[in-house]
Amino acid sequence: MSKLNLGPVKTFNVMKTCFGGFEDVGARKVEFKNYKRYSMVFVPFTGIDNHHCNVTFGAALLASETADTYIWLLRVFLKAVGSQPKVVSTDQDPATKKAISDVFVDTRHRLCMWYVMHKLSLKVGVRLCNSTNFKERICGVMWTNILTPGEFESEWEAVIAEFNLEDNDWLSDSFALRESWIPAYYRMEHMSGLMRTTSRSESENHFFGQVCNSKATLVEFMTHYETAIEAQRHTHPELIGVAYCINQRYEDQPDGFVKFYVNDFQQPCTSLFETNILCTTL
């Protein structure tokens, strides 16, 4: 109803007319007013296709961020999709971590480097990051995937010692979690676009930030969300073409891909789609 510039009361009256009576609307007038808003958590499920482009598989609005809530959400997602993702990349939220370990038992859980690195200046000091080459040095150690775990640990310790940061608790905690987010520890795994997720996460935050407005009604949010998803799909025309020529034959691949056999007129071809998921909580 936001397209018609209708407020909650008029929206309620229109819904009454559409459904045939107040008792059939499914909500009271005060509940329509209360939709503006409940500080609900928007959780999109974002995957990466074989062109390394973001694809939204689904999304949810949650009333809380407890482990039980996320467990329920992941079970619903699993039921809808039918299989567990190969890899899930999230922030450091402990409730999300517990839910993934309980529901996605066969999934590799990685921490998104963007969420970790986003805190760097705050945790070590803006002055240190801006007036020295510390940020360049530490990023050079963290972002590369050519170092072995042992080499990474030696390089990390050298940088920490050079800038006298041995007593920084946040850096120590981040180092303790290194196997969950440092590429050196999973450089041999097929990660596609999930290994370095900084630009990808920033892109998703910006994309969904255009439809996430804490002052919007639920009706307005859904209208904006559907418009955003339609725009996203418009940027992936090749997927639309594949949908019409697929012949229902596919094979699971050992590297996490699924091979679909399709026919493009008289030219047989194959298309690979990844099943990796990137969860972003806004």
C-alpha atoms as a PDB file:
ATOM      1  CA  MET A   1       0.000   0.000   0.000  1.00  0.00           C
ATOM      2  CA  SER A   2       3.014   2.289   0.248  1.00  0.00           C
ATOM      3  CA  LYS A   3       2.866   2.810  -3.524  1.00  0.00           C
ATOM      4  CA  LEU A   4      -0.546   4.413  -2.968  1.00  0.00           C
ATOM      5  CA  ASN A   5       0.740   6.494  -0.035  1.00  0.00           C
ATOM      6  CA  LEU A   6      -1.676   4.836   2.387  1.00  0.00           C
ATOM      7  CA  GLY A   7      -1.063   4.867   6.116  1.00  0.00           C
ATOM      8  CA  PRO A   8      -1.636   1.924   8.483  1.00  0.00           C
ATOM      9  CA  VAL A   9      -5.321   2.729   9.183  1.00  0.00           C
ATOM     10  CA  LYS A  10      -6.274   3.085   5.532  1.00  0.00           C
ATOM     11  CA  THR A  11      -4.245  -0.029   4.748  1.00  0.00           C
ATOM     12  CA  PHE A  12      -6.210  -1.930   7.394  1.00  0.00           C
ATOM     13  CA  ASN A  13      -9.509  -0.761   5.870  1.00  0.00           C
ATOM     14  CA  VAL A  14      -8.396  -1.773   2.389  1.00  0.00           C
ATOM     15  CA  MET A  15      -7.381  -5.200   3.675  1.00  0.00           C
ATOM     16  CA  LYS A  16     -10.802  -5.536   5.309  1.00  0.00           C
ATOM     17  CA  THR A  17     -12.456  -4.853   1.976  1.00  0.00           C
ATOM     18  CA  CYS A  18     -10.199  -7.303   0.166  1.00  0.00           C
ATOM     19  CA  PHE A  19     -10.768 -10.139   2.626  1.00  0.00           C
ATOM     20  CA  GLY A  20     -14.462  -9.496   3.174  1.00  0.00           C
ATOM     21  CA  GLY A  21     -14.492  -8.473   6.823  1.00  0.00           C
ATOM     22  CA  PHE A  22     -12.442  -7.290   9.801  1.00  0.00           C
ATOM     23  CA  GLU A  23     -12.403 -10.775  11.298  1.00  0.00           C
ATOM     24  CA  ASP A  24     -10.695 -12.174   8.183  1.00  0.00           C
ATOM     25  CA  VAL A  25      -7.810  -9.690   7.992  1.00  0.00           C
ATOM     26  CA  GLY A  26      -5.698 -11.653  10.469  1.00  0.00           C
ATOM     27  CA  ALA A  27      -4.621  -8.617  12.501  1.00  0.00           C
ATOM     28  CA  ARG A  28      -6.109  -5.737  14.438  1.00  0.00           C
ATOM     29  CA  LYS A  29      -5.881  -2.066  13.505  1.00  0.00           C
ATOM     30  CA  VAL A  30      -3.408  -1.395  16.321  1.00  0.00           C
ATOM     31  CA  GLU A  31      -1.132  -4.133  14.972  1.00  0.00           C
ATOM     32  CA  PHE A  32      -1.025  -2.410  11.595  1.00  0.00           C
ATOM     33  CA  LYS A  33       0.116   0.727  13.417  1.00  0.00           C
ATOM     34  CA  ASN A  34       2.683  -1.191  15.442  1.00  0.00           C
ATOM     35  CA  TYR A  35       4.388  -2.482  12.289  1.00  0.00           C
ATOM     36  CA  LYS A  36       6.118   0.985  12.148  1.00  0.00           C
ATOM     37  CA  ARG A  37       8.329  -0.893  13.620  1.00  0.00           C
ATOM     38  CA  TYR A  38       9.537  -3.598  15.897  1.00  0.00           C
ATOM     39  CA  SER A  39      13.288  -3.448  15.330  1.00  0.00           C
ATOM     40  CA  MET A  40      13.225  -6.809  13.598  1.00  0.00           C
ATOM     41  CA  VAL A  41      16.443  -8.358  12.322  1.00  0.00           C
ATOM     42  CA  PHE A  42      16.769  -8.771   8.565  1.00  0.00           C
ATOM     43  CA  VAL A  43      18.740 -11.906   7.630  1.00  0.00           C
ATOM     44  CA  PRO A  44      19.351 -12.514   3.919  1.00  0.00           C
ATOM     45  CA  PHE A  45      20.891 -15.736   2.604  1.00  0.00           C
ATOM     46  CA  THR A  46      23.306 -14.840  -0.155  1.00  0.00           C
ATOM     47  CA  GLY A  47      25.009 -17.346  -2.438  1.00  0.00           C
ATOM     48  CA  ILE A  48      27.577 -17.023  -5.193  1.00  0.00           C
ATOM     49  CA  ASP A  49      26.939 -18.269  -8.697  1.00  0.00           C
ATOM     50  CA  ASN A  50      29.491 -19.576 -11.176  1.00  0.00           C
ATOM     51  CA  HIS A  51      30.072 -16.017 -12.423  1.00  0.00           C
ATOM     52  CA  HIS A  52      31.084 -15.003  -8.873  1.00  0.00           C
ATOM     53  CA  CYS A  53      27.988 -12.802  -8.576  1.00  0.00           C
ATOM     54  CA  ASN A  54      25.833 -12.506  -5.462  1.00  0.00           C
ATOM     55  CA  VAL A  55      22.483 -14.283  -5.597  1.00  0.00           C
ATOM     56  CA  THR A  56      19.865 -13.991  -2.860  1.00  0.00           C
ATOM     57  CA  PHE A  57      18.400 -17.388  -2.025  1.00  0.00           C
ATOM     58  CA  GLY A  58      16.010 -16.127   0.615  1.00  0.00           C
ATOM     59  CA  ALA A  59      15.621 -13.841   3.606  1.00  0.00           C
ATOM     60  CA  ALA A  60      13.953 -13.690   6.990  1.00  0.00           C
ATOM     61  CA  LEU A  61      12.747 -11.133   9.511  1.00  0.00           C
ATOM     62  CA  LEU A  62      13.477 -12.219  13.067  1.00  0.00           C
ATOM     63  CA  ALA A  63      12.110 -10.847  16.315  1.00  0.00           C
ATOM     64  CA  SER A  64      15.259 -11.820  18.224  1.00  0.00           C
ATOM     65  CA  GLU A  65      18.810 -13.040  17.671  1.00  0.00           C
ATOM     66  CA  THR A  66      18.900 -15.966  20.066  1.00  0.00           C
ATOM     67  CA  ALA A  67      20.431 -19.322  19.211  1.00  0.00           C
ATOM     68  CA  ASP A  68      16.983 -20.940  19.245  1.00  0.00           C
ATOM     69  CA  THR A  69      15.692 -18.388  16.738  1.00  0.00           C
ATOM     70  CA  TYR A  70      18.580 -19.023  14.370  1.00  0.00           C
ATOM     71  CA  ILE A  71      18.222 -22.787  14.780  1.00  0.00           C
ATOM     72  CA  TRP A  72      14.577 -22.489  13.752  1.00  0.00           C
ATOM     73  CA  LEU A  73      15.537 -20.288  10.788  1.00  0.00           C
ATOM     74  CA  LEU A  74      18.253 -22.620   9.508  1.00  0.00           C
ATOM     75  CA  ARG A  75      15.954 -25.625   9.790  1.00  0.00           C
ATOM     76  CA  VAL A  76      13.319 -23.825   7.738  1.00  0.00           C
ATOM     77  CA  PHE A  77      15.963 -22.833   5.186  1.00  0.00           C
ATOM     78  CA  LEU A  78      17.285 -26.392   5.024  1.00  0.00           C
ATOM     79  CA  LYS A  79      13.792 -27.748   4.477  1.00  0.00           C
ATOM     80  CA  ALA A  80      13.210 -25.263   1.650  1.00  0.00           C
ATOM     81  CA  VAL A  81      16.562 -25.803  -0.083  1.00  0.00           C
ATOM     82  CA  GLY A  82      16.881 -29.522   0.514  1.00  0.00           C
ATOM     83  CA  SER A  83      20.623 -29.759   1.206  1.00  0.00           C
ATOM     84  CA  GLN A  84      23.241 -28.208   3.452  1.00  0.00           C
ATOM     85  CA  PRO A  85      25.586 -25.599   1.968  1.00  0.00           C
ATOM     86  CA  LYS A  86      29.232 -26.537   1.567  1.00  0.00           C
ATOM     87  CA  VAL A  87      30.460 -23.357   3.238  1.00  0.00           C
ATOM     88  CA  VAL A  88      28.812 -20.682   5.378  1.00  0.00           C
ATOM     89  CA  SER A  89      30.475 -17.359   6.072  1.00  0.00           C
ATOM     90  CA  THR A  90      29.064 -15.187   8.878  1.00  0.00           C
ATOM     91  CA  ASP A  91      30.058 -12.598  11.444  1.00  0.00           C
ATOM     92  CA  GLN A  92      31.245 -13.555  14.941  1.00  0.00           C
ATOM     93  CA  ASP A  93      27.798 -13.755  16.514  1.00  0.00           C
ATOM     94  CA  PRO A  94      27.837 -16.678  19.022  1.00  0.00           C
ATOM     95  CA  ALA A  95      24.130 -17.458  18.502  1.00  0.00           C
ATOM     96  CA  THR A  96      24.692 -17.904  14.784  1.00  0.00           C
ATOM     97  CA  LYS A  97      27.724 -20.100  15.432  1.00  0.00           C
ATOM     98  CA  LYS A  98      25.732 -22.425  17.691  1.00  0.00           C
ATOM     99  CA  ALA A  99      22.834 -22.649  15.246  1.00  0.00           C
ATOM    100  CA  ILE A 100      25.137 -23.542  12.340  1.00  0.00           C
ATOM    101  CA  SER A 101      26.904 -26.257  14.347  1.00  0.00           C
ATOM    102  CA  ASP A 102      23.539 -27.735  15.374  1.00  0.00           C
ATOM    103  CA  VAL A 103      21.775 -27.636  11.993  1.00  0.00           C
ATOM    104  CA  PHE A 104      24.471 -27.547   9.286  1.00  0.00           C
ATOM    105  CA  VAL A 105      26.524 -30.431  10.652  1.00  0.00           C
ATOM    106  CA  ASP A 106      28.261 -31.113   7.325  1.00  0.00           C
ATOM    107  CA  THR A 107      28.994 -27.453   6.556  1.00  0.00           C
ATOM    108  CA  ARG A 108      32.323 -25.668   6.923  1.00  0.00           C
ATOM    109  CA  HIS A 109      31.731 -22.488   8.944  1.00  0.00           C
ATOM    110  CA  ARG A 110      34.051 -19.571   8.233  1.00  0.00           C
ATOM    111  CA  LEU A 111      34.091 -16.063   9.654  1.00  0.00           C
ATOM    112  CA  CYS A 112      33.727 -13.246   7.172  1.00  0.00           C
ATOM    113  CA  MET A 113      37.003 -11.325   7.005  1.00  0.00           C
ATOM    114  CA  TRP A 114      35.115  -8.089   6.392  1.00  0.00           C
ATOM    115  CA  TYR A 115      33.440  -8.244   9.792  1.00  0.00           C
ATOM    116  CA  VAL A 116      36.754  -8.908  11.512  1.00  0.00           C
ATOM    117  CA  MET A 117      38.767  -6.292   9.634  1.00  0.00           C
ATOM    118  CA  HIS A 118      35.988  -3.714   9.967  1.00  0.00           C
ATOM    119  CA  LYS A 119      36.943  -3.422  13.646  1.00  0.00           C
ATOM    120  CA  LEU A 120      40.697  -3.087  13.135  1.00  0.00           C
ATOM    121  CA  SER A 121      41.028   0.702  13.431  1.00  0.00           C
ATOM    122  CA  LEU A 122      38.688   0.804  16.412  1.00  0.00           C
ATOM    123  CA  LYS A 123      40.504  -1.955  18.281  1.00  0.00           C
ATOM    124  CA  VAL A 124      44.108  -0.901  17.695  1.00  0.00           C
ATOM    125  CA  GLY A 125      43.646   2.842  17.261  1.00  0.00           C
ATOM    126  CA  VAL A 126      43.003   5.108  14.300  1.00  0.00           C
ATOM    127  CA  ARG A 127      46.303   6.886  14.801  1.00  0.00           C
ATOM    128  CA  LEU A 128      48.322   3.683  14.548  1.00  0.00           C
ATOM    129  CA  CYS A 129      46.503   2.666  11.379  1.00  0.00           C
ATOM    130  CA  ASN A 130      46.793   6.071   9.715  1.00  0.00           C
ATOM    131  CA  SER A 131      50.249   7.257  10.759  1.00  0.00           C
ATOM    132  CA  THR A 132      52.216   4.034  10.327  1.00  0.00           C
ATOM    133  CA  ASN A 133      52.346   1.154   7.871  1.00  0.00           C
ATOM    134  CA  PHE A 134      50.847  -1.213  10.461  1.00  0.00           C
ATOM    135  CA  LYS A 135      47.590  -1.707   8.571  1.00  0.00           C
ATOM    136  CA  GLU A 136      49.450  -2.416   5.342  1.00  0.00           C
ATOM    137  CA  ARG A 137      51.736  -4.890   7.100  1.00  0.00           C
ATOM    138  CA  ILE A 138      49.025  -6.791   8.962  1.00  0.00           C
ATOM    139  CA  CYS A 139      46.717  -6.919   5.936  1.00  0.00           C
ATOM    140  CA  GLY A 140      49.567  -8.246   3.831  1.00  0.00           C
ATOM    141  CA  VAL A 141      49.894 -11.146   6.245  1.00  0.00           C
ATOM    142  CA  MET A 142      46.181 -11.839   6.638  1.00  0.00           C
ATOM    143  CA  TRP A 143      44.826 -11.539   3.117  1.00  0.00           C
ATOM    144  CA  THR A 144      47.331 -13.684   1.257  1.00  0.00           C
ATOM    145  CA  ASN A 145      46.623 -17.340   0.584  1.00  0.00           C
ATOM    146  CA  ILE A 146      50.174 -18.285  -0.391  1.00  0.00           C
ATOM    147  CA  LEU A 147      51.441 -18.631   3.191  1.00  0.00           C
ATOM    148  CA  THR A 148      51.316 -21.905   5.042  1.00  0.00           C
ATOM    149  CA  PRO A 149      49.779 -21.836   8.543  1.00  0.00           C
ATOM    150  CA  GLY A 150      53.248 -21.906  10.081  1.00  0.00           C
ATOM    151  CA  GLU A 151      54.466 -19.047   7.898  1.00  0.00           C
ATOM    152  CA  PHE A 152      51.382 -17.011   8.712  1.00  0.00           C
ATOM    153  CA  GLU A 153      51.907 -17.442  12.447  1.00  0.00           C
ATOM    154  CA  SER A 154      55.548 -16.357  12.191  1.00  0.00           C
ATOM    155  CA  GLU A 155      54.686 -13.306  10.078  1.00  0.00           C
ATOM    156  CA  TRP A 156      51.802 -12.342  12.395  1.00  0.00           C
ATOM    157  CA  GLU A 157      53.998 -12.550  15.500  1.00  0.00           C
ATOM    158  CA  ALA A 158      56.678 -10.441  13.801  1.00  0.00           C
ATOM    159  CA  VAL A 159      54.217  -7.645  12.960  1.00  0.00           C
ATOM    160  CA  ILE A 160      52.651  -7.720  16.433  1.00  0.00           C
ATOM    161  CA  ALA A 161      56.083  -7.496  18.063  1.00  0.00           C
ATOM    162  CA  GLU A 162      57.249  -4.700  15.738  1.00  0.00           C
ATOM    163  CA  PHE A 163      54.342  -2.473  16.789  1.00  0.00           C
ATOM    164  CA  ASN A 164      54.323  -3.556  20.463  1.00  0.00           C
ATOM    165  CA  LEU A 165      50.812  -4.976  20.345  1.00  0.00           C
ATOM    166  CA  GLU A 166      51.391  -8.155  22.343  1.00  0.00           C
ATOM    167  CA  ASP A 167      48.960  -6.958  25.046  1.00  0.00           C
ATOM    168  CA  ASN A 168      46.110  -6.080  22.674  1.00  0.00           C
ATOM    169  CA  ASP A 169      43.283  -8.417  23.721  1.00  0.00           C
ATOM    170  CA  TRP A 170      41.320  -8.067  20.484  1.00  0.00           C
ATOM    171  CA  LEU A 171      44.293  -9.054  18.346  1.00  0.00           C
ATOM    172  CA  SER A 172      44.995 -11.985  20.659  1.00  0.00           C
ATOM    173  CA  ASP A 173      41.380 -13.147  20.443  1.00  0.00           C
ATOM    174  CA  SER A 174      41.376 -12.775  16.660  1.00  0.00           C
ATOM    175  CA  PHE A 175      44.573 -14.799  16.415  1.00  0.00           C
ATOM    176  CA  ALA A 176      43.028 -17.534  18.557  1.00  0.00           C
ATOM    177  CA  LEU A 177      40.216 -17.805  15.966  1.00  0.00           C
ATOM    178  CA  ARG A 178      42.662 -17.786  13.026  1.00  0.00           C
ATOM    179  CA  GLU A 179      41.609 -21.178  11.655  1.00  0.00           C
ATOM    180  CA  SER A 180      38.086 -19.811  11.098  1.00  0.00           C
ATOM    181  CA  TRP A 181      38.957 -16.741   9.029  1.00  0.00           C
ATOM    182  CA  ILE A 182      42.575 -16.632   7.879  1.00  0.00           C
ATOM    183  CA  PRO A 183      42.985 -17.956   4.273  1.00  0.00           C
ATOM    184  CA  ALA A 184      46.250 -19.714   5.132  1.00  0.00           C
ATOM    185  CA  TYR A 185      44.249 -22.361   7.000  1.00  0.00           C
ATOM    186  CA  TYR A 186      41.895 -23.223   4.164  1.00  0.00           C
ATOM    187  CA  ARG A 187      43.901 -22.220   1.106  1.00  0.00           C
ATOM    188  CA  MET A 188      43.504 -25.695  -0.413  1.00  0.00           C
ATOM    189  CA  GLU A 189      39.724 -25.673  -0.089  1.00  0.00           C
ATOM    190  CA  HIS A 190      37.462 -24.585  -2.926  1.00  0.00           C
ATOM    191  CA  MET A 191      36.072 -21.318  -1.579  1.00  0.00           C
ATOM    192  CA  SER A 192      35.190 -19.440  -4.771  1.00  0.00           C
ATOM    193  CA  GLY A 193      34.236 -15.875  -3.833  1.00  0.00           C
ATOM    194  CA  LEU A 194      33.947 -16.569  -0.119  1.00  0.00           C
ATOM    195  CA  MET A 195      37.665 -16.545   0.710  1.00  0.00           C
ATOM    196  CA  ARG A 196      37.976 -12.777   0.554  1.00  0.00           C
ATOM    197  CA  THR A 197      34.565 -11.413   1.361  1.00  0.00           C
ATOM    198  CA  THR A 198      35.312  -7.744   2.061  1.00  0.00           C
ATOM    199  CA  SER A 199      33.997  -6.177  -1.149  1.00  0.00           C
ATOM    200  CA  ARG A 200      31.247  -8.786  -1.360  1.00  0.00           C
ATOM    201  CA  SER A 201      29.957  -8.034   2.144  1.00  0.00           C
ATOM    202  CA  GLU A 202      30.178  -4.293   1.576  1.00  0.00           C
ATOM    203  CA  SER A 203      28.209  -4.747  -1.619  1.00  0.00           C
ATOM    204  CA  GLU A 204      25.501  -6.757   0.140  1.00  0.00           C
ATOM    205  CA  ASN A 205      25.278  -4.276   3.006  1.00  0.00           C
ATOM    206  CA  HIS A 206      24.810  -1.455   0.523  1.00  0.00           C
ATOM    207  CA  PHE A 207      22.356  -3.434  -1.585  1.00  0.00           C
ATOM    208  CA  PHE A 208      20.076  -4.377   1.291  1.00  0.00           C
ATOM    209  CA  GLY A 209      20.675  -1.086   3.091  1.00  0.00           C
ATOM    210  CA  GLN A 210      18.570   0.495   0.371  1.00  0.00           C
ATOM    211  CA  VAL A 211      15.515  -1.481   1.537  1.00  0.00           C
ATOM    212  CA  CYS A 212      16.224  -1.638   5.294  1.00  0.00           C
ATOM    213  CA  ASN A 213      14.595   1.352   6.937  1.00  0.00           C
ATOM    214  CA  SER A 214      13.813   1.113  10.634  1.00  0.00           C
ATOM    215  CA  LYS A 215      10.930   3.569  10.211  1.00  0.00           C
ATOM    216  CA  ALA A 216       9.231   1.674   7.381  1.00  0.00           C
ATOM    217  CA  THR A 217       6.100  -0.376   7.832  1.00  0.00           C
ATOM    218  CA  LEU A 218       6.223  -4.065   7.078  1.00  0.00           C
ATOM    219  CA  VAL A 219       4.220  -3.441   3.903  1.00  0.00           C
ATOM    220  CA  GLU A 220       6.681  -0.769   2.778  1.00  0.00           C
ATOM    221  CA  PHE A 221       9.650  -2.999   3.555  1.00  0.00           C
ATOM    222  CA  MET A 222       8.254  -5.906   1.542  1.00  0.00           C
ATOM    223  CA  THR A 223       7.561  -3.624  -1.416  1.00  0.00           C
ATOM    224  CA  HIS A 224      11.124  -2.298  -1.355  1.00  0.00           C
ATOM    225  CA  TYR A 225      12.584  -5.767  -0.850  1.00  0.00           C
ATOM    226  CA  GLU A 226      10.725  -7.246  -3.806  1.00  0.00           C
ATOM    227  CA  THR A 227      11.853  -4.334  -5.971  1.00  0.00           C
ATOM    228  CA  ALA A 228      15.481  -4.890  -4.933  1.00  0.00           C
ATOM    229  CA  ILE A 229      15.325  -8.630  -5.641  1.00  0.00           C
ATOM    230  CA  GLU A 230      13.760  -7.975  -9.038  1.00  0.00           C
ATOM    231  CA  ALA A 231      16.620  -5.570  -9.814  1.00  0.00           C
ATOM    232  CA  GLN A 232      19.175  -8.166  -8.707  1.00  0.00           C
ATOM    233  CA  ARG A 233      17.665 -10.818 -10.938  1.00  0.00           C
ATOM    234  CA  HIS A 234      17.677  -8.387 -13.824  1.00  0.00           C
ATOM    235  CA  THR A 235      21.482  -8.253 -13.584  1.00  0.00           C
ATOM    236  CA  HIS A 236      21.693 -12.049 -14.076  1.00  0.00           C
ATOM    237  CA  PRO A 237      19.959 -12.633 -17.430  1.00  0.00           C
ATOM    238  CA  GLU A 238      22.000 -15.735 -18.155  1.00  0.00           C
ATOM    239  CA  LEU A 239      20.288 -17.535 -15.261  1.00  0.00           C
ATOM    240  CA  ILE A 240      16.874 -16.879 -16.795  1.00  0.00           C
ATOM    241  CA  GLY A 241      17.963 -18.435 -20.073  1.00  0.00           C
ATOM    242  CA  VAL A 242      19.327 -21.518 -18.357  1.00  0.00           C
ATOM    243  CA  ALA A 243      16.044 -22.080 -16.526  1.00  0.00           C
ATOM    244  CA  TYR A 244      14.205 -22.561 -19.810  1.00  0.00           C
ATOM    245  CA  CYS A 245      16.589 -25.018 -21.418  1.00  0.00           C
ATOM    246  CA  ILE A 246      17.488 -27.249 -18.479  1.00  0.00           C
ATOM    247  CA  ASN A 247      16.546 -30.861 -19.072  1.00  0.00           C
ATOM    248  CA  GLN A 248      16.418 -31.970 -15.396  1.00  0.00           C
ATOM    249  CA  ARG A 249      19.686 -33.958 -15.528  1.00  0.00           C
ATOM    250  CA  TYR A 250      22.386 -32.918 -13.098  1.00  0.00           C
ATOM    251  CA  GLU A 251      25.340 -34.363 -11.195  1.00  0.00           C
ATOM    252  CA  ASP A 252      26.887 -33.409  -7.855  1.00  0.00           C
ATOM    253  CA  GLN A 253      30.571 -32.613  -8.221  1.00  0.00           C
ATOM    254  CA  PRO A 254      33.260 -33.402  -5.581  1.00  0.00           C
ATOM    255  CA  ASP A 255      34.363 -29.747  -5.411  1.00  0.00           C
ATOM    256  CA  GLY A 256      30.965 -28.517  -4.235  1.00  0.00           C
ATOM    257  CA  PHE A 257      29.542 -27.593  -7.630  1.00  0.00           C
ATOM    258  CA  VAL A 258      26.447 -29.025  -9.241  1.00  0.00           C
ATOM    259  CA  LYS A 259      26.688 -29.690 -12.978  1.00  0.00           C
ATOM    260  CA  PHE A 260      23.446 -29.067 -14.880  1.00  0.00           C
ATOM    261  CA  TYR A 261      23.080 -30.416 -18.399  1.00  0.00           C
ATOM    262  CA  VAL A 262      21.254 -27.959 -20.612  1.00  0.00           C
ATOM    263  CA  ASN A 263      20.486 -27.633 -24.301  1.00  0.00           C
ATOM    264  CA  ASP A 264      20.783 -24.350 -26.122  1.00  0.00           C
ATOM    265  CA  PHE A 265      19.000 -25.165 -29.343  1.00  0.00           C
ATOM    266  CA  GLN A 266      21.424 -27.555 -31.094  1.00  0.00           C
ATOM    267  CA  GLN A 267      24.437 -26.631 -28.983  1.00  0.00           C
ATOM    268  CA  PRO A 268      24.708 -28.769 -25.813  1.00  0.00           C
ATOM    269  CA  CYS A 269      26.373 -27.018 -22.893  1.00  0.00           C
ATOM    270  CA  THR A 270      26.831 -27.269 -19.142  1.00  0.00           C
ATOM    271  CA  SER A 271      26.519 -24.708 -16.391  1.00  0.00           C
ATOM    272  CA  LEU A 272      28.014 -24.888 -12.905  1.00  0.00           C
ATOM    273  CA  PHE A 273      26.281 -23.505  -9.844  1.00  0.00           C
ATOM    274  CA  GLU A 274      27.802 -23.294  -6.402  1.00  0.00           C
ATOM    275  CA  THR A 275      25.906 -24.140  -3.233  1.00  0.00           C
ATOM    276  CA  ASN A 276      27.973 -21.948  -0.920  1.00  0.00           C
ATOM    277  CA  ILE A 277      26.040 -19.514   1.262  1.00  0.00           C
ATOM    278  CA  LEU A 278      26.984 -16.122   2.660  1.00  0.00           C
ATOM    279  CA  CYS A 279      24.773 -15.072   5.585  1.00  0.00           C
ATOM    280  CA  THR A 280      24.653 -11.374   6.308  1.00  0.00           C
ATOM    281  CA  THR A 281      22.801  -9.942   9.274  1.00  0.00           C
ATOM    282  CA  LEU A 282      21.823  -6.295   9.074  1.00  0.00           C
END
